Structures are given as C-alpha cells and as structure tokens.
Amino acid sequence: MSSGTGPYSARFWLQVNGTDLLGSDGTAVRDLNSLSQAKYTKLIANAKPGDKVWAKVRVYDQSINKTSEAEIAKVIGQYEDVPTPEPTPPPAPEPVPPVAVINAPSEVIQGDDVYISSGSYDPDGTIVNYSWSIIPSSGVVGTLSGESGTVSFDKVGTYTVRLTVTDNDGLTDTAQKTIEVKPAVPKAFFDYTGALKENRKVVLDASGSYTSPKYPMVWDATEWEITPASSGLTQNDIKIVPSTDMKTRTVLFKKAGDYRVRVRVKNSAGNYSDWYERTFDCCRRFTSCCRFLCNDHCFEGPFKRQYGQNRSYRCFLFSRW
C-alpha cells in the first residue's frame, strides 16, 4: 500500500541455497498502474524438500519518490503457517442392548398368589416395552403386564415364565425362569370331647384340619381308621355310631385299653393330607357305689344294716362312676 498515485516499479531478487536465480541486481518490472500488478513468477527447477529459498521485493512510487521493500525466507517442505486440521470426531458408539431379568420364586404352592416382577435394565437408555408369557398357559390365573403382576397356578407342574424387553433403540433381550408348582396338600387334625372310659360316648372332630382357602375341604371324602392298639382287644370292642357327617365320628370303646385313631382329609384340588394319628387310653369305669345320707348318719350300700327299730328315715341316694 502507498500514499502516492504511481506509476510504480518493482524489482525482485530470488536465491535458492544462496544462489541468485535472478542475478545480483534482480529483475525489474516497470510502469505499473497499481501495486497489485507488482508480481513476478519464477519456476525453480529441481527443487526438493529442505532447499532454502530467499526472496526480496523493492517497490518504487514515482509520485512521491519513495521506495519500500520486504523479504522472506522459507525451507521447501515446511508449512509453518498452514493451520492444523480439526481432528475427525470419533464415530458414535454402537447402542447397547437391554438386559432382561425376572424376579420370581423357584417353587410355589398350588393356588397361592405369586408376585412376579422385572429387574431388567438398559445400560445406555431406557426400557420402553415388556412382553410376558407363561408356558403352559393352562391353569394360570391372572396376567403379567408392564413391570410386574400377580398370578396363581391352579395345576401342579413345571411352568416357564418368559420376558422380552425392548429399549429406546429398538434392541431386545429375553430371559426366562422355571417355576415348580407343588400340590396344595391339606393338613389333617382332630380333637375329641367326652370321657375316655368304657362305654362312654366320645366324639372325634376333624374340623380343625387346614386347607388353602382356594380349595375347600371335601368332608365326604374324609377317611377315619379306629383300631385297637392293646393286646386282647378286637375290632368288636369298638362301636361307631352311623352318621353321614364324615367330619366327625361318634364312638364307644367297650373295653379298657389303648385305641389308635387316624384321619386324613381331602380338599377340592383333589389332594389328600398325610395321616394324623393319636392313641387313646380308655380307662375302666369306676365301680358303682350307692351312698345313703339319712339325717346325720350315713350308710353305704349295698344296704345290709338296719339303723334303729321300725323307724322312718329321709334318705338321699347318690350314684357315681
């Protein structure tokens, strides 16, 4: 840039490794109308990386009779002023699939409510869908949806619970768990009322037996076994009062001794309990005794003595066993 108006002239010098390529006086370019025309091109033959290049230019403005010059030195192959390119950003990471997890017990009882839930997760996002299935589906009561649910199994056997989860990238994973369903077996129990003595009525009552509320007891299928347990006793020493109510049994033990009573019950699921057993010791009845209380005197029978002569007495008779 110049404050004058020209015309302009310019002189150029060029050296490679200290050798003048334009002569020691350089090369002049004259009668230039603007400084933008102050250009000179020179092809450097056989140039190679590492060669040192030096160049200088001197510009003259005739209108103001002033000169200005500049010079530069470079080494071929060096790019000091070239900006370093921006590094290529790494590729976006591949999405990671979700991990399906099922929380459920391995063994359950037939008819019991079973809570099943998902413990699934997605390492790089969120789970957007849960798909459940239970195989076989027969005997399954209830459904699973979303992250959890409650079901029960009406049939004994092995079931497979399967869960497929889908994440926000559309990737999926599947998990499965096996559940063994055990039978809902009732528990038998009985108690009794009455005195455990010869020829006295004893009522055996199994109403204290337990079964799942989902499977009521089938009392008509109740089984009783009442047998003698002492030597010398026979089945004829047991009298069972006929009744259609199998929940209870009314019996009389005719002779003293031990008797074994067993019971087992059945529920509406078709399952029988184990036998519940007790042994009873039936005692002899006390010998009959008459006691006469006459005024302030007491006579015990059999009445063999006469008290006084031809007198009347007010007596009370008590009998105990």
C-alpha atoms as a PDB file:
ATOM      1  CA  MET A   1       0.000   0.000   0.000  1.00  0.00           C
ATOM      2  CA  SER A   2       1.258   3.502  -0.904  1.00  0.00           C
ATOM      3  CA  SER A   3       0.084   7.038  -0.190  1.00  0.00           C
ATOM      4  CA  GLY A   4       1.086   8.080  -3.705  1.00  0.00           C
ATOM      5  CA  THR A   5      -0.579   7.598  -7.081  1.00  0.00           C
ATOM      6  CA  GLY A   6       2.181   5.991  -9.120  1.00  0.00           C
ATOM      7  CA  PRO A   7       3.249   4.965 -11.586  1.00  0.00           C
ATOM      8  CA  TYR A   8       5.078   2.177  -9.811  1.00  0.00           C
ATOM      9  CA  SER A   9       8.032  -0.055 -10.482  1.00  0.00           C
ATOM     10  CA  ALA A  10       9.207  -3.174  -8.650  1.00  0.00           C
ATOM     11  CA  ARG A  11      12.454  -5.170  -8.523  1.00  0.00           C
ATOM     12  CA  PHE A  12      12.621  -8.866  -7.408  1.00  0.00           C
ATOM     13  CA  TRP A  13      15.535 -10.962  -6.114  1.00  0.00           C
ATOM     14  CA  LEU A  14      15.459 -14.756  -5.634  1.00  0.00           C
ATOM     15  CA  GLN A  15      18.030 -17.154  -4.157  1.00  0.00           C
ATOM     16  CA  VAL A  16      17.958 -20.936  -3.631  1.00  0.00           C
ATOM     17  CA  ASN A  17      20.522 -22.260  -1.188  1.00  0.00           C
ATOM     18  CA  GLY A  18      22.398 -18.924  -1.569  1.00  0.00           C
ATOM     19  CA  THR A  19      22.484 -18.956  -5.415  1.00  0.00           C
ATOM     20  CA  ASP A  20      20.949 -15.959  -7.223  1.00  0.00           C
ATOM     21  CA  LEU A  21      18.372 -17.065  -9.753  1.00  0.00           C
ATOM     22  CA  LEU A  22      17.538 -13.546 -10.951  1.00  0.00           C
ATOM     23  CA  GLY A  23      21.077 -12.112 -10.857  1.00  0.00           C
ATOM     24  CA  SER A  24      22.657  -9.986  -8.228  1.00  0.00           C
ATOM     25  CA  ASP A  25      20.734  -6.908  -9.430  1.00  0.00           C
ATOM     26  CA  GLY A  26      17.465  -8.760  -9.548  1.00  0.00           C
ATOM     27  CA  THR A  27      14.735  -8.324 -12.167  1.00  0.00           C
ATOM     28  CA  ALA A  28      12.736  -5.107 -12.571  1.00  0.00           C
ATOM     29  CA  VAL A  29       9.075  -4.653 -13.536  1.00  0.00           C
ATOM     30  CA  ARG A  30       8.162  -1.054 -14.562  1.00  0.00           C
ATOM     31  CA  ASP A  31       5.250   1.241 -15.429  1.00  0.00           C
ATOM     32  CA  LEU A  32       2.760  -0.407 -13.122  1.00  0.00           C
ATOM     33  CA  ASN A  33      -0.538   1.368 -12.602  1.00  0.00           C
ATOM     34  CA  SER A  34      -1.186  -0.254  -9.218  1.00  0.00           C
ATOM     35  CA  LEU A  35       0.731  -2.154  -6.627  1.00  0.00           C
ATOM     36  CA  SER A  36      -1.466  -5.214  -7.194  1.00  0.00           C
ATOM     37  CA  GLN A  37       0.416  -5.619 -10.511  1.00  0.00           C
ATOM     38  CA  ALA A  38       3.735  -5.948  -8.694  1.00  0.00           C
ATOM     39  CA  LYS A  39       4.096  -9.678  -9.309  1.00  0.00           C
ATOM     40  CA  TYR A  40       6.806 -11.973 -10.691  1.00  0.00           C
ATOM     41  CA  THR A  41       6.730 -15.724 -11.237  1.00  0.00           C
ATOM     42  CA  LYS A  42       9.825 -17.958 -11.408  1.00  0.00           C
ATOM     43  CA  LEU A  43       9.850 -21.752 -11.678  1.00  0.00           C
ATOM     44  CA  ILE A  44      12.557 -23.296  -9.538  1.00  0.00           C
ATOM     45  CA  ALA A  45      13.790 -26.387 -11.383  1.00  0.00           C
ATOM     46  CA  ASN A  46      14.953 -29.455  -9.446  1.00  0.00           C
ATOM     47  CA  ALA A  47      13.702 -28.049  -6.149  1.00  0.00           C
ATOM     48  CA  LYS A  48      13.488 -30.543  -3.357  1.00  0.00           C
ATOM     49  CA  PRO A  49      12.375 -30.619   0.288  1.00  0.00           C
ATOM     50  CA  GLY A  50      14.937 -28.931   2.515  1.00  0.00           C
ATOM     51  CA  ASP A  51      16.116 -26.343  -0.044  1.00  0.00           C
ATOM     52  CA  LYS A  52      16.336 -22.838   1.402  1.00  0.00           C
ATOM     53  CA  VAL A  53      14.555 -20.172  -0.622  1.00  0.00           C
ATOM     54  CA  TRP A  54      15.070 -16.431  -0.120  1.00  0.00           C
ATOM     55  CA  ALA A  55      13.114 -13.702  -1.903  1.00  0.00           C
ATOM     56  CA  LYS A  56      13.024  -9.889  -1.751  1.00  0.00           C
ATOM     57  CA  VAL A  57      10.945  -7.195  -3.474  1.00  0.00           C
ATOM     58  CA  ARG A  58      11.521  -3.418  -3.663  1.00  0.00           C
ATOM     59  CA  VAL A  59       8.660  -1.131  -4.809  1.00  0.00           C
ATOM     60  CA  TYR A  60       9.125   2.460  -6.067  1.00  0.00           C
ATOM     61  CA  ASP A  61       6.337   5.118  -6.248  1.00  0.00           C
ATOM     62  CA  GLN A  62       7.326   7.875  -8.677  1.00  0.00           C
ATOM     63  CA  SER A  63       4.582  10.247  -7.492  1.00  0.00           C
ATOM     64  CA  ILE A  64       6.115  10.581  -4.058  1.00  0.00           C
ATOM     65  CA  ASN A  65       9.657   9.414  -4.958  1.00  0.00           C
ATOM     66  CA  LYS A  66       9.674   6.710  -2.255  1.00  0.00           C
ATOM     67  CA  THR A  67      10.658   3.072  -2.122  1.00  0.00           C
ATOM     68  CA  SER A  68       9.664   0.181   0.169  1.00  0.00           C
ATOM     69  CA  GLU A  69      10.943  -3.369   0.324  1.00  0.00           C
ATOM     70  CA  ALA A  70      10.251  -6.702   2.052  1.00  0.00           C
ATOM     71  CA  GLU A  71      11.913 -10.093   2.122  1.00  0.00           C
ATOM     72  CA  ILE A  72      11.080 -13.655   3.205  1.00  0.00           C
ATOM     73  CA  ALA A  73      12.988 -16.909   3.697  1.00  0.00           C
ATOM     74  CA  LYS A  74      11.444 -20.416   3.603  1.00  0.00           C
ATOM     75  CA  VAL A  75      12.541 -24.020   3.561  1.00  0.00           C
ATOM     76  CA  ILE A  76      10.829 -26.187   0.973  1.00  0.00           C
ATOM     77  CA  GLY A  77       8.659 -28.819   2.703  1.00  0.00           C
ATOM     78  CA  GLN A  78       7.893 -26.759   5.780  1.00  0.00           C
ATOM     79  CA  TYR A  79       4.360 -25.417   6.224  1.00  0.00           C
ATOM     80  CA  GLU A  80       4.634 -23.200   9.234  1.00  0.00           C
ATOM     81  CA  ASP A  81       1.558 -21.150   8.511  1.00  0.00           C
ATOM     82  CA  VAL A  82      -0.801 -23.978   7.479  1.00  0.00           C
ATOM     83  CA  PRO A  83      -3.380 -24.499  10.229  1.00  0.00           C
ATOM     84  CA  THR A  84      -3.678 -27.916  11.770  1.00  0.00           C
ATOM     85  CA  PRO A  85      -6.892 -29.546  10.547  1.00  0.00           C
ATOM     86  CA  GLU A  86      -9.578 -30.319  13.094  1.00  0.00           C
ATOM     87  CA  PRO A  87      -9.448 -33.969  14.203  1.00  0.00           C
ATOM     88  CA  THR A  88     -12.148 -36.177  12.804  1.00  0.00           C
ATOM     89  CA  PRO A  89     -14.691 -36.847  15.559  1.00  0.00           C
ATOM     90  CA  PRO A  90     -14.914 -40.484  16.632  1.00  0.00           C
ATOM     91  CA  PRO A  91     -17.882 -42.426  15.330  1.00  0.00           C
ATOM     92  CA  ALA A  92     -20.947 -42.585  17.545  1.00  0.00           C
ATOM     93  CA  PRO A  93     -20.864 -45.641  19.851  1.00  0.00           C
ATOM     94  CA  GLU A  94     -22.970 -48.628  18.921  1.00  0.00           C
ATOM     95  CA  PRO A  95     -26.127 -48.843  21.059  1.00  0.00           C
ATOM     96  CA  VAL A  96     -26.026 -51.473  23.818  1.00  0.00           C
ATOM     97  CA  PRO A  97     -28.989 -53.870  24.104  1.00  0.00           C
ATOM     98  CA  PRO A  98     -31.013 -54.087  27.338  1.00  0.00           C
ATOM     99  CA  VAL A  99     -30.643 -56.886  29.894  1.00  0.00           C
ATOM    100  CA  ALA A 100     -33.790 -58.864  30.774  1.00  0.00           C
ATOM    101  CA  VAL A 101     -34.116 -60.084  34.398  1.00  0.00           C
ATOM    102  CA  ILE A 102     -37.051 -61.928  36.047  1.00  0.00           C
ATOM    103  CA  ASN A 103     -37.678 -61.847  39.810  1.00  0.00           C
ATOM    104  CA  ALA A 104     -39.799 -64.847  40.815  1.00  0.00           C
ATOM    105  CA  PRO A 105     -39.646 -67.778  43.274  1.00  0.00           C
ATOM    106  CA  SER A 106     -38.474 -71.166  42.030  1.00  0.00           C
ATOM    107  CA  GLU A 107     -41.126 -73.128  43.948  1.00  0.00           C
ATOM    108  CA  VAL A 108     -44.694 -72.176  44.850  1.00  0.00           C
ATOM    109  CA  ILE A 109     -47.784 -73.909  46.242  1.00  0.00           C
ATOM    110  CA  GLN A 110     -50.733 -74.635  44.009  1.00  0.00           C
ATOM    111  CA  GLY A 111     -53.316 -71.844  44.253  1.00  0.00           C
ATOM    112  CA  ASP A 112     -51.104 -69.383  46.170  1.00  0.00           C
ATOM    113  CA  ASP A 113     -50.728 -65.832  44.810  1.00  0.00           C
ATOM    114  CA  VAL A 114     -47.284 -65.373  43.228  1.00  0.00           C
ATOM    115  CA  TYR A 115     -45.776 -61.903  42.668  1.00  0.00           C
ATOM    116  CA  ILE A 116     -43.512 -61.756  39.595  1.00  0.00           C
ATOM    117  CA  SER A 117     -41.570 -58.632  38.601  1.00  0.00           C
ATOM    118  CA  SER A 118     -38.924 -57.409  36.173  1.00  0.00           C
ATOM    119  CA  GLY A 119     -35.433 -56.472  37.300  1.00  0.00           C
ATOM    120  CA  SER A 120     -34.427 -55.565  33.733  1.00  0.00           C
ATOM    121  CA  TYR A 121     -32.260 -52.551  32.830  1.00  0.00           C
ATOM    122  CA  ASP A 122     -30.709 -50.799  29.806  1.00  0.00           C
ATOM    123  CA  PRO A 123     -27.025 -49.725  30.139  1.00  0.00           C
ATOM    124  CA  ASP A 124     -27.340 -46.787  27.728  1.00  0.00           C
ATOM    125  CA  GLY A 125     -31.007 -45.880  27.658  1.00  0.00           C
ATOM    126  CA  THR A 126     -34.440 -46.881  28.881  1.00  0.00           C
ATOM    127  CA  ILE A 127     -36.730 -49.881  28.517  1.00  0.00           C
ATOM    128  CA  VAL A 128     -39.922 -48.982  26.658  1.00  0.00           C
ATOM    129  CA  ASN A 129     -41.755 -52.301  26.453  1.00  0.00           C
ATOM    130  CA  TYR A 130     -42.222 -55.506  28.489  1.00  0.00           C
ATOM    131  CA  SER A 131     -43.664 -58.634  26.885  1.00  0.00           C
ATOM    132  CA  TRP A 132     -44.547 -61.576  29.209  1.00  0.00           C
ATOM    133  CA  SER A 133     -45.621 -65.150  28.570  1.00  0.00           C
ATOM    134  CA  ILE A 134     -46.127 -68.250  30.746  1.00  0.00           C
ATOM    135  CA  ILE A 135     -45.842 -71.720  29.236  1.00  0.00           C
ATOM    136  CA  PRO A 136     -48.029 -73.698  29.503  1.00  0.00           C
ATOM    137  CA  SER A 137     -50.822 -71.153  29.896  1.00  0.00           C
ATOM    138  CA  SER A 138     -53.379 -73.731  31.028  1.00  0.00           C
ATOM    139  CA  GLY A 139     -54.013 -73.493  34.759  1.00  0.00           C
ATOM    140  CA  VAL A 140     -52.591 -69.969  35.053  1.00  0.00           C
ATOM    141  CA  VAL A 141     -54.908 -67.499  36.775  1.00  0.00           C
ATOM    142  CA  GLY A 142     -54.136 -63.788  36.258  1.00  0.00           C
ATOM    143  CA  THR A 143     -51.865 -61.926  33.832  1.00  0.00           C
ATOM    144  CA  LEU A 144     -48.488 -60.182  33.743  1.00  0.00           C
ATOM    145  CA  SER A 145     -48.107 -56.756  32.136  1.00  0.00           C
ATOM    146  CA  GLY A 146     -45.724 -53.855  32.427  1.00  0.00           C
ATOM    147  CA  GLU A 147     -43.033 -54.357  35.034  1.00  0.00           C
ATOM    148  CA  SER A 148     -44.873 -56.816  37.304  1.00  0.00           C
ATOM    149  CA  GLY A 149     -48.019 -58.756  38.100  1.00  0.00           C
ATOM    150  CA  THR A 150     -49.591 -61.394  40.353  1.00  0.00           C
ATOM    151  CA  VAL A 151     -50.694 -64.820  39.164  1.00  0.00           C
ATOM    152  CA  SER A 152     -51.585 -68.183  40.651  1.00  0.00           C
ATOM    153  CA  PHE A 153     -51.241 -71.705  39.306  1.00  0.00           C
ATOM    154  CA  ASP A 154     -54.279 -73.968  39.528  1.00  0.00           C
ATOM    155  CA  LYS A 155     -52.457 -77.063  38.321  1.00  0.00           C
ATOM    156  CA  VAL A 156     -49.384 -78.834  39.659  1.00  0.00           C
ATOM    157  CA  GLY A 157     -46.377 -78.959  37.339  1.00  0.00           C
ATOM    158  CA  THR A 158     -43.493 -77.003  35.837  1.00  0.00           C
ATOM    159  CA  TYR A 159     -44.076 -73.598  34.254  1.00  0.00           C
ATOM    160  CA  THR A 160     -41.704 -71.359  32.282  1.00  0.00           C
ATOM    161  CA  VAL A 161     -42.025 -67.594  32.656  1.00  0.00           C
ATOM    162  CA  ARG A 162     -40.542 -65.668  29.717  1.00  0.00           C
ATOM    163  CA  LEU A 163     -39.884 -61.908  29.483  1.00  0.00           C
ATOM    164  CA  THR A 164     -38.740 -59.925  26.415  1.00  0.00           C
ATOM    165  CA  VAL A 165     -37.763 -56.279  26.935  1.00  0.00           C
ATOM    166  CA  THR A 166     -37.264 -53.610  24.250  1.00  0.00           C
ATOM    167  CA  ASP A 167     -35.200 -50.437  24.764  1.00  0.00           C
ATOM    168  CA  ASN A 168     -35.437 -46.982  23.192  1.00  0.00           C
ATOM    169  CA  ASP A 169     -33.005 -48.046  20.421  1.00  0.00           C
ATOM    170  CA  GLY A 170     -35.288 -50.906  19.393  1.00  0.00           C
ATOM    171  CA  LEU A 171     -32.913 -53.551  20.759  1.00  0.00           C
ATOM    172  CA  THR A 172     -34.295 -56.509  22.733  1.00  0.00           C
ATOM    173  CA  ASP A 173     -33.280 -59.171  25.215  1.00  0.00           C
ATOM    174  CA  THR A 174     -35.154 -62.193  26.569  1.00  0.00           C
ATOM    175  CA  ALA A 175     -34.962 -64.003  29.926  1.00  0.00           C
ATOM    176  CA  GLN A 176     -36.858 -66.984  31.290  1.00  0.00           C
ATOM    177  CA  LYS A 177     -37.329 -68.664  34.663  1.00  0.00           C
ATOM    178  CA  THR A 178     -38.757 -72.025  35.683  1.00  0.00           C
ATOM    179  CA  ILE A 179     -41.317 -72.273  38.495  1.00  0.00           C
ATOM    180  CA  GLU A 180     -42.193 -75.609  40.092  1.00  0.00           C
ATOM    181  CA  VAL A 181     -45.768 -75.734  41.407  1.00  0.00           C
ATOM    182  CA  LYS A 182     -46.230 -78.108  44.341  1.00  0.00           C
ATOM    183  CA  PRO A 183     -49.652 -79.550  45.278  1.00  0.00           C
ATOM    184  CA  ALA A 184     -51.798 -77.734  47.847  1.00  0.00           C
ATOM    185  CA  VAL A 185     -51.874 -80.555  50.410  1.00  0.00           C
ATOM    186  CA  PRO A 186     -54.271 -80.116  53.345  1.00  0.00           C
ATOM    187  CA  LYS A 187     -53.230 -80.859  56.932  1.00  0.00           C
ATOM    188  CA  ALA A 188     -55.353 -83.251  58.961  1.00  0.00           C
ATOM    189  CA  PHE A 189     -56.127 -82.781  62.644  1.00  0.00           C
ATOM    190  CA  PHE A 190     -58.784 -83.924  65.066  1.00  0.00           C
ATOM    191  CA  ASP A 191     -59.712 -83.450  68.692  1.00  0.00           C
ATOM    192  CA  TYR A 192     -62.275 -85.159  70.888  1.00  0.00           C
ATOM    193  CA  THR A 193     -64.880 -84.484  73.503  1.00  0.00           C
ATOM    194  CA  GLY A 194     -66.205 -86.934  76.085  1.00  0.00           C
ATOM    195  CA  ALA A 195     -64.706 -89.169  78.758  1.00  0.00           C
ATOM    196  CA  LEU A 196     -62.207 -91.832  77.733  1.00  0.00           C
ATOM    197  CA  LYS A 197     -63.927 -94.600  79.740  1.00  0.00           C
ATOM    198  CA  GLU A 198     -65.623 -97.849  78.952  1.00  0.00           C
ATOM    199  CA  ASN A 199     -68.927 -97.477  77.105  1.00  0.00           C
ATOM    200  CA  ARG A 200     -68.860 -93.715  77.242  1.00  0.00           C
ATOM    201  CA  LYS A 201     -69.585 -91.664  74.139  1.00  0.00           C
ATOM    202  CA  VAL A 202     -66.536 -89.965  72.575  1.00  0.00           C
ATOM    203  CA  VAL A 203     -66.925 -87.529  69.659  1.00  0.00           C
ATOM    204  CA  LEU A 204     -63.967 -87.255  67.293  1.00  0.00           C
ATOM    205  CA  ASP A 205     -63.944 -83.959  65.372  1.00  0.00           C
ATOM    206  CA  ALA A 206     -61.669 -83.206  62.375  1.00  0.00           C
ATOM    207  CA  SER A 207     -62.984 -79.680  61.733  1.00  0.00           C
ATOM    208  CA  GLY A 208     -59.641 -78.267  62.929  1.00  0.00           C
ATOM    209  CA  SER A 209     -57.932 -79.589  59.785  1.00  0.00           C
ATOM    210  CA  TYR A 210     -56.469 -76.967  57.444  1.00  0.00           C
ATOM    211  CA  THR A 211     -56.668 -76.399  53.701  1.00  0.00           C
ATOM    212  CA  SER A 212     -55.998 -73.464  51.371  1.00  0.00           C
ATOM    213  CA  PRO A 213     -58.967 -71.068  51.191  1.00  0.00           C
ATOM    214  CA  LYS A 214     -58.978 -71.600  47.421  1.00  0.00           C
ATOM    215  CA  TYR A 215     -59.532 -75.335  47.839  1.00  0.00           C
ATOM    216  CA  PRO A 216     -62.228 -76.053  50.477  1.00  0.00           C
ATOM    217  CA  MET A 217     -62.283 -79.361  52.272  1.00  0.00           C
ATOM    218  CA  VAL A 218     -64.320 -82.199  50.785  1.00  0.00           C
ATOM    219  CA  TRP A 219     -65.579 -83.643  54.046  1.00  0.00           C
ATOM    220  CA  ASP A 220     -67.432 -86.541  52.407  1.00  0.00           C
ATOM    221  CA  ALA A 221     -64.014 -87.895  51.353  1.00  0.00           C
ATOM    222  CA  THR A 222     -62.633 -87.883  54.912  1.00  0.00           C
ATOM    223  CA  GLU A 223     -61.173 -91.219  55.954  1.00  0.00           C
ATOM    224  CA  TRP A 224     -61.119 -92.500  59.547  1.00  0.00           C
ATOM    225  CA  GLU A 225     -59.301 -95.508  60.926  1.00  0.00           C
ATOM    226  CA  ILE A 226     -60.184 -96.540  64.506  1.00  0.00           C
ATOM    227  CA  THR A 227     -58.421 -99.706  65.642  1.00  0.00           C
ATOM    228  CA  PRO A 228     -57.454-101.430  68.928  1.00  0.00           C
ATOM    229  CA  ALA A 229     -53.838-100.925  69.951  1.00  0.00           C
ATOM    230  CA  SER A 230     -53.708-103.171  73.068  1.00  0.00           C
ATOM    231  CA  SER A 231     -53.429-106.944  73.007  1.00  0.00           C
ATOM    232  CA  GLY A 232     -56.652-108.719  73.836  1.00  0.00           C
ATOM    233  CA  LEU A 233     -58.803-106.080  72.131  1.00  0.00           C
ATOM    234  CA  THR A 234     -60.631-106.649  68.865  1.00  0.00           C
ATOM    235  CA  GLN A 235     -62.496-104.510  66.390  1.00  0.00           C
ATOM    236  CA  ASN A 236     -65.706-105.709  68.068  1.00  0.00           C
ATOM    237  CA  ASP A 237     -64.692-103.700  71.126  1.00  0.00           C
ATOM    238  CA  ILE A 238     -65.262-100.512  69.122  1.00  0.00           C
ATOM    239  CA  LYS A 239     -68.739 -99.212  68.324  1.00  0.00           C
ATOM    240  CA  ILE A 240     -69.027 -96.447  65.727  1.00  0.00           C
ATOM    241  CA  VAL A 241     -72.332 -94.645  65.613  1.00  0.00           C
ATOM    242  CA  PRO A 242     -73.525 -94.460  61.962  1.00  0.00           C
ATOM    243  CA  SER A 243     -73.531 -90.915  60.536  1.00  0.00           C
ATOM    244  CA  THR A 244     -73.289 -89.232  57.125  1.00  0.00           C
ATOM    245  CA  ASP A 245     -71.202 -86.425  58.617  1.00  0.00           C
ATOM    246  CA  MET A 246     -67.673 -87.613  57.924  1.00  0.00           C
ATOM    247  CA  LYS A 247     -66.219 -84.555  59.623  1.00  0.00           C
ATOM    248  CA  THR A 248     -66.965 -86.217  62.979  1.00  0.00           C
ATOM    249  CA  ARG A 249     -67.170 -89.755  64.319  1.00  0.00           C
ATOM    250  CA  THR A 250     -69.001 -90.810  67.487  1.00  0.00           C
ATOM    251  CA  VAL A 251     -67.543 -93.949  69.083  1.00  0.00           C
ATOM    252  CA  LEU A 252     -67.794 -96.063  72.216  1.00  0.00           C
ATOM    253  CA  PHE A 253     -64.890 -98.114  73.458  1.00  0.00           C
ATOM    254  CA  LYS A 254     -66.409-101.171  75.118  1.00  0.00           C
ATOM    255  CA  LYS A 255     -63.322-102.296  76.975  1.00  0.00           C
ATOM    256  CA  ALA A 256     -60.471-100.550  78.727  1.00  0.00           C
ATOM    257  CA  GLY A 257     -57.211-100.336  76.802  1.00  0.00           C
ATOM    258  CA  ASP A 258     -55.404 -98.392  74.091  1.00  0.00           C
ATOM    259  CA  TYR A 259     -57.088 -97.461  70.838  1.00  0.00           C
ATOM    260  CA  ARG A 260     -55.469 -95.876  67.777  1.00  0.00           C
ATOM    261  CA  VAL A 261     -57.362 -93.252  65.771  1.00  0.00           C
ATOM    262  CA  ARG A 262     -56.170 -91.952  62.386  1.00  0.00           C
ATOM    263  CA  VAL A 263     -57.713 -89.481  59.976  1.00  0.00           C
ATOM    264  CA  ARG A 264     -56.845 -87.967  56.631  1.00  0.00           C
ATOM    265  CA  VAL A 265     -58.723 -85.294  54.719  1.00  0.00           C
ATOM    266  CA  LYS A 266     -59.126 -84.239  51.080  1.00  0.00           C
ATOM    267  CA  ASN A 267     -59.592 -80.789  49.538  1.00  0.00           C
ATOM    268  CA  SER A 268     -61.292 -79.662  46.312  1.00  0.00           C
ATOM    269  CA  ALA A 269     -57.939 -79.670  44.496  1.00  0.00           C
ATOM    270  CA  GLY A 270     -58.075 -83.471  44.815  1.00  0.00           C
ATOM    271  CA  ASN A 271     -55.163 -83.694  47.254  1.00  0.00           C
ATOM    272  CA  TYR A 272     -55.172 -85.907  50.356  1.00  0.00           C
ATOM    273  CA  SER A 273     -53.347 -84.984  53.529  1.00  0.00           C
ATOM    274  CA  ASP A 274     -50.953 -87.194  55.406  1.00  0.00           C
ATOM    275  CA  TRP A 275     -52.485 -89.303  58.156  1.00  0.00           C
ATOM    276  CA  TYR A 276     -52.902 -87.624  61.533  1.00  0.00           C
ATOM    277  CA  GLU A 277     -52.767 -90.162  64.372  1.00  0.00           C
ATOM    278  CA  ARG A 278     -53.441 -90.273  68.125  1.00  0.00           C
ATOM    279  CA  THR A 279     -53.606 -93.132  70.653  1.00  0.00           C
ATOM    280  CA  PHE A 280     -56.218 -93.036  73.419  1.00  0.00           C
ATOM    281  CA  ASP A 281     -56.034 -94.813  76.791  1.00  0.00           C
ATOM    282  CA  CYS A 282     -59.572 -95.826  77.664  1.00  0.00           C
ATOM    283  CA  CYS A 283     -59.969 -96.411  81.424  1.00  0.00           C
ATOM    284  CA  ARG A 284     -62.373 -98.672  83.260  1.00  0.00           C
ATOM    285  CA  ARG A 285     -65.443 -97.088  84.677  1.00  0.00           C
ATOM    286  CA  PHE A 286     -65.435 -96.688  88.447  1.00  0.00           C
ATOM    287  CA  THR A 287     -67.291 -99.405  90.406  1.00  0.00           C
ATOM    288  CA  SER A 288     -70.875 -98.449  91.122  1.00  0.00           C
ATOM    289  CA  CYS A 289     -71.423 -97.086  94.613  1.00  0.00           C
ATOM    290  CA  CYS A 290     -74.604 -96.132  96.448  1.00  0.00           C
ATOM    291  CA  ARG A 291     -74.397 -93.659  99.258  1.00  0.00           C
ATOM    292  CA  PHE A 292     -77.347 -93.075 101.527  1.00  0.00           C
ATOM    293  CA  LEU A 293     -77.407 -89.947 103.570  1.00  0.00           C
ATOM    294  CA  CYS A 294     -80.037 -90.233 106.312  1.00  0.00           C
ATOM    295  CA  ASN A 295     -80.262 -87.259 108.591  1.00  0.00           C
ATOM    296  CA  ASP A 296     -76.877 -87.098 110.346  1.00  0.00           C
ATOM    297  CA  HIS A 297     -75.974 -90.729 109.626  1.00  0.00           C
ATOM    298  CA  CYS A 298     -74.523 -92.287 106.582  1.00  0.00           C
ATOM    299  CA  PHE A 299     -74.922 -95.821 105.316  1.00  0.00           C
ATOM    300  CA  GLU A 300     -73.073 -97.129 102.328  1.00  0.00           C
ATOM    301  CA  GLY A 301     -74.535 -99.888 100.187  1.00  0.00           C
ATOM    302  CA  PRO A 302     -75.215-102.479  99.457  1.00  0.00           C
ATOM    303  CA  PHE A 303     -77.504-101.580 102.380  1.00  0.00           C
ATOM    304  CA  LYS A 304     -77.109-104.500 104.794  1.00  0.00           C
ATOM    305  CA  ARG A 305     -77.537-102.938 108.242  1.00  0.00           C
ATOM    306  CA  GLN A 306     -80.661-101.722 109.904  1.00  0.00           C
ATOM    307  CA  TYR A 307     -80.478 -98.443 111.707  1.00  0.00           C
ATOM    308  CA  GLY A 308     -82.798 -98.405 114.753  1.00  0.00           C
ATOM    309  CA  GLN A 309     -86.107-100.284 115.036  1.00  0.00           C
ATOM    310  CA  ASN A 310     -89.088 -99.709 112.777  1.00  0.00           C
ATOM    311  CA  ARG A 311     -88.182 -96.061 112.172  1.00  0.00           C
ATOM    312  CA  SER A 312     -88.656 -93.986 109.017  1.00  0.00           C
ATOM    313  CA  TYR A 313     -85.740 -92.040 107.603  1.00  0.00           C
ATOM    314  CA  ARG A 314     -85.408 -89.428 104.920  1.00  0.00           C
ATOM    315  CA  CYS A 315     -82.620 -90.693 102.684  1.00  0.00           C
ATOM    316  CA  PHE A 316     -80.846 -89.441  99.572  1.00  0.00           C
ATOM    317  CA  LEU A 317     -79.277 -91.785  97.029  1.00  0.00           C
ATOM    318  CA  PHE A 318     -76.258 -90.740  95.026  1.00  0.00           C
ATOM    319  CA  SER A 319     -74.619 -92.750  92.307  1.00  0.00           C
ATOM    320  CA  ARG A 320     -71.117 -92.051  90.919  1.00  0.00           C
ATOM    321  CA  TRP A 321     -68.920 -93.748  88.383  1.00  0.00           C
END
